Amino acid sequence: MNADYLKQKHKAGLSYSDYLATGTPQQQDDWRAIYDQAALSDQQQALLGSFSRKVNVIGLSGIWCGDCVQQGPLIQRIADAAGGGSGDGSGGGVIDLRWLDRDEHMDLQEKVRINAGNRVPVLIFCAEDYEFVGWYGDRTLSRYRAMAAKQLGGACPMPGAAVPQDELDATLADWLEQFERSHLLLRLSGRLRQKHGD
C-alpha cells in the first residue's frame, strides 16, 4: 500500500459521528452504549497525552458488525483522548482517525484480509505523510480469550449484547497498545527524526 493510495482512502473516510449516522437508530444506540461504557484510566490518558507524532489511522469497519460494535467505540475513545478523534472530522490532534465502510472499500479490505476472510474492524496506521506503518485487526487477544471462554465457535457476537466491564477494559488496553506501538515506531523513525530535528 503506497502513501498516495492510503492518503486517498484516509481522505475518503468519515468522522465518527458521520460514520455512526450511516447506521440505523438501533445500531447508533449500540455503538454509543459501548462508547459510554468505555473509560480510559488516568495512566492511559497520560500515555496518549505524551504522543507527539501525528498518526493517520483508517478504521475499516461495518456499522452492522458485532465485533465492530464492541471494539469501534473503544478505538474512538483512544482517538478522542489523543485530541484528534472528536468525531467532527477536524483531525486536529495527534491521532487522525477516519472510518470506512468495508463493503464500500473492498479494494482496501482485500489488502488486509485475515485467514482468507474479510474481517473487521481493521485499523491501518500511517505516518503524517501517509507512509504505511502497519495494520491490526479483527479481534484483539482479549476478545479472543473471552470468546474462547464462552464458546469455541465462529459466531459473531450480536450487536447490542452486554459486554462485561473487565472484557471491555482488556480490549481497550489491547487497542491502546497498537496505537502506542505505531506512535513509538514513528517517534523513533530516523526519517521523521531528521525531518523534525528531534
Protein backbone atom coordinates (compact mmCIF):
# COMPACT_ATOMS: atom_id res chain seq x y z
CA MET A 1 0.00 0.00 0.00
CA ASN A 2 1.63 3.21 -1.11
CA ALA A 3 1.26 6.60 0.52
CA ASP A 4 -0.90 8.12 -2.23
CA TYR A 5 -3.38 5.25 -2.03
CA LEU A 6 -3.56 5.46 1.77
CA LYS A 7 -3.96 9.24 1.67
CA GLN A 8 -6.86 8.86 -0.75
CA LYS A 9 -8.52 6.28 1.49
CA HIS A 10 -7.97 8.36 4.62
CA LYS A 11 -9.44 11.46 2.98
CA ALA A 12 -12.47 9.41 1.90
CA GLY A 13 -13.04 8.30 5.48
CA LEU A 14 -15.77 9.65 7.72
CA SER A 15 -15.58 11.22 11.13
CA TYR A 16 -17.01 9.03 13.88
CA SER A 17 -20.26 11.00 14.10
CA ASP A 18 -20.74 10.85 10.33
CA TYR A 19 -19.93 7.15 10.32
CA LEU A 20 -22.47 6.44 13.06
CA ALA A 21 -25.06 8.39 11.09
CA THR A 22 -24.84 5.74 8.35
CA GLY A 23 -26.38 3.19 10.70
CA THR A 24 -29.91 2.56 11.83
CA PRO A 25 -31.07 4.23 15.06
CA GLN A 26 -30.56 0.91 16.89
CA GLN A 27 -27.04 0.50 15.52
CA GLN A 28 -26.18 4.05 16.55
CA ASP A 29 -27.54 3.39 20.06
CA ASP A 30 -25.49 0.18 20.33
CA TRP A 31 -22.25 1.97 19.37
CA ARG A 32 -22.99 4.86 21.74
CA ALA A 33 -23.71 2.49 24.63
CA ILE A 34 -20.26 0.86 24.33
CA TYR A 35 -18.58 4.26 23.93
CA ASP A 36 -20.31 5.45 27.12
CA GLN A 37 -19.29 2.27 28.97
CA ALA A 38 -15.63 2.60 27.98
CA ALA A 39 -13.24 4.69 30.02
CA LEU A 40 -9.50 5.27 29.91
CA SER A 41 -7.57 5.28 33.16
CA ASP A 42 -5.54 8.34 34.16
CA GLN A 43 -2.40 6.44 33.22
CA GLN A 44 -3.77 5.57 29.78
CA GLN A 45 -4.83 9.17 29.20
CA ALA A 46 -1.38 10.39 30.24
CA LEU A 47 0.21 7.97 27.78
CA LEU A 48 -1.91 9.31 24.94
CA GLY A 49 -1.15 12.86 26.07
CA SER A 50 2.55 12.12 25.63
CA PHE A 51 2.16 11.30 21.91
CA SER A 52 3.93 13.84 19.72
CA ARG A 53 3.95 12.28 16.24
CA LYS A 54 0.88 12.57 14.02
CA VAL A 55 -0.66 9.17 13.29
CA ASN A 56 -3.21 8.97 10.47
CA VAL A 57 -5.49 5.99 11.05
CA ILE A 58 -8.01 4.34 8.75
CA GLY A 59 -10.68 2.32 10.52
CA LEU A 60 -12.18 -0.29 8.20
CA SER A 61 -15.45 -1.36 9.74
CA GLY A 62 -19.06 -2.41 9.37
CA ILE A 63 -21.67 -0.47 11.32
CA TRP A 64 -23.69 -3.74 11.43
CA CYS A 65 -20.84 -5.89 12.74
CA GLY A 66 -20.99 -7.19 16.31
CA ASP A 67 -17.19 -7.13 16.70
CA CYS A 68 -17.11 -3.58 15.38
CA VAL A 69 -19.85 -2.52 17.81
CA GLN A 70 -17.81 -3.93 20.68
CA GLN A 71 -14.44 -2.52 19.55
CA GLY A 72 -15.04 0.52 17.32
CA PRO A 73 -16.19 2.75 20.18
CA LEU A 74 -13.07 1.74 22.17
CA ILE A 75 -10.88 2.73 19.24
CA GLN A 76 -12.73 6.04 19.02
CA ARG A 77 -12.25 6.62 22.77
CA ILE A 78 -8.49 6.31 22.24
CA ALA A 79 -8.51 8.77 19.33
CA ASP A 80 -10.67 11.22 21.28
CA ALA A 81 -8.32 11.11 24.26
CA ALA A 82 -5.43 11.99 21.93
CA GLY A 83 -7.35 15.05 20.76
CA GLY A 84 -7.87 14.01 17.17
CA GLY A 85 -10.97 11.90 17.12
CA SER A 86 -13.62 14.33 18.30
CA GLY A 87 -15.99 12.99 15.70
CA ASP A 88 -16.27 16.28 13.85
CA GLY A 89 -13.77 15.42 11.13
CA SER A 90 -11.31 18.14 12.10
CA GLY A 91 -8.41 15.72 12.58
CA GLY A 92 -6.57 18.35 14.58
CA GLY A 93 -4.94 16.07 17.13
CA VAL A 94 -2.09 13.61 17.16
CA ILE A 95 -4.38 10.76 16.03
CA ASP A 96 -6.47 11.48 12.95
CA LEU A 97 -8.89 8.57 12.78
CA ARG A 98 -11.25 8.17 9.82
CA TRP A 99 -13.81 5.40 9.32
CA LEU A 100 -14.55 3.50 6.10
CA ASP A 101 -17.31 1.02 5.43
CA ARG A 102 -15.74 -2.30 4.49
CA ASP A 103 -18.28 -3.11 1.80
CA GLU A 104 -17.77 0.25 0.07
CA HIS A 105 -13.98 -0.15 0.08
CA MET A 106 -13.43 -3.78 -0.85
CA ASP A 107 -10.21 -2.86 -2.68
CA LEU A 108 -8.71 -1.91 0.69
CA GLN A 109 -10.37 -4.81 2.52
CA GLU A 110 -8.74 -7.27 0.12
CA LYS A 111 -5.30 -5.93 1.13
CA VAL A 112 -5.91 -6.67 4.82
CA ARG A 113 -7.71 -10.00 4.71
CA ILE A 114 -7.20 -12.25 7.72
CA ASN A 115 -7.14 -16.02 7.36
CA ALA A 116 -8.63 -15.61 3.86
CA GLY A 117 -11.57 -13.65 5.26
CA ASN A 118 -12.91 -10.11 5.08
CA ARG A 119 -12.78 -9.36 8.78
CA VAL A 120 -13.43 -6.13 10.60
CA PRO A 121 -12.57 -3.98 12.42
CA VAL A 122 -9.13 -3.39 10.93
CA LEU A 123 -7.01 -0.33 11.62
CA ILE A 124 -4.37 0.83 9.16
CA PHE A 125 -1.74 3.08 10.76
CA CYS A 126 0.05 5.69 8.63
CA ALA A 127 2.69 8.32 9.25
CA GLU A 128 1.94 12.03 8.91
CA ASP A 129 2.77 11.77 5.18
CA TYR A 130 0.69 8.59 4.82
CA GLU A 131 3.62 6.21 4.62
CA PHE A 132 2.38 2.79 5.73
CA VAL A 133 3.25 1.90 9.33
CA GLY A 134 1.22 -1.24 9.97
CA TRP A 135 -2.22 -2.70 10.40
CA TYR A 136 -4.04 -4.62 13.08
CA GLY A 137 -7.46 -6.05 13.28
CA ASP A 138 -10.27 -8.45 13.63
CA ARG A 139 -10.35 -9.19 17.34
CA THR A 140 -7.77 -8.42 19.97
CA LEU A 141 -6.29 -11.18 22.11
CA SER A 142 -8.60 -10.24 24.99
CA ARG A 143 -11.64 -10.55 22.72
CA TYR A 144 -10.48 -13.95 21.50
CA ARG A 145 -9.85 -15.12 25.06
CA ALA A 146 -13.32 -14.01 26.12
CA MET A 147 -14.92 -15.73 23.15
CA ALA A 148 -12.93 -18.92 23.72
CA ALA A 149 -14.06 -18.97 27.33
CA LYS A 150 -17.70 -18.80 26.18
CA GLN A 151 -17.51 -20.91 23.06
CA LEU A 152 -15.07 -22.14 20.50
CA GLY A 153 -17.36 -21.45 17.55
CA GLY A 154 -17.04 -18.80 14.88
CA ALA A 155 -20.22 -16.94 15.73
CA CYS A 156 -20.07 -13.18 15.63
CA PRO A 157 -21.41 -11.53 18.78
CA MET A 158 -24.80 -9.95 18.44
CA PRO A 159 -24.81 -6.15 18.25
CA GLY A 160 -26.22 -4.71 21.43
CA ALA A 161 -25.20 -7.67 23.59
CA ALA A 162 -23.89 -6.68 27.01
CA VAL A 163 -20.11 -6.65 27.32
CA PRO A 164 -18.62 -7.37 30.76
CA GLN A 165 -16.59 -4.42 32.02
CA ASP A 166 -13.40 -6.43 32.54
CA GLU A 167 -13.55 -7.69 28.94
CA LEU A 168 -14.17 -4.16 27.66
CA ASP A 169 -11.26 -2.78 29.70
CA ALA A 170 -8.89 -5.50 28.49
CA THR A 171 -9.88 -4.98 24.86
CA LEU A 172 -9.42 -1.22 25.21
CA ALA A 173 -5.92 -1.85 26.59
CA ASP A 174 -5.14 -4.17 23.65
CA TRP A 175 -6.10 -1.50 21.13
CA LEU A 176 -4.19 1.17 23.03
CA GLU A 177 -1.04 -0.97 22.75
CA GLN A 178 -1.41 -0.93 18.96
CA PHE A 179 -1.67 2.88 18.94
CA GLU A 180 1.34 3.13 21.24
CA ARG A 181 3.36 0.75 19.08
CA SER A 182 2.63 2.78 15.95
CA HIS A 183 3.41 6.03 17.70
CA LEU A 184 6.73 4.76 19.06
CA LEU A 185 7.66 3.41 15.64
CA LEU A 186 7.07 6.90 14.22
CA ARG A 187 8.70 8.70 17.15
CA LEU A 188 11.87 6.63 16.78
CA SER A 189 11.90 6.74 12.98
CA GLY A 190 15.22 8.09 11.71
CA ARG A 191 13.45 9.59 8.71
CA LEU A 192 10.99 11.55 10.85
CA ARG A 193 13.53 12.49 13.50
CA GLN A 194 15.68 14.05 10.81
CA LYS A 195 12.66 15.86 9.35
CA HIS A 196 11.57 17.25 12.74
CA GLY A 197 15.05 17.75 14.20
CA ASP A 198 14.33 15.70 17.30
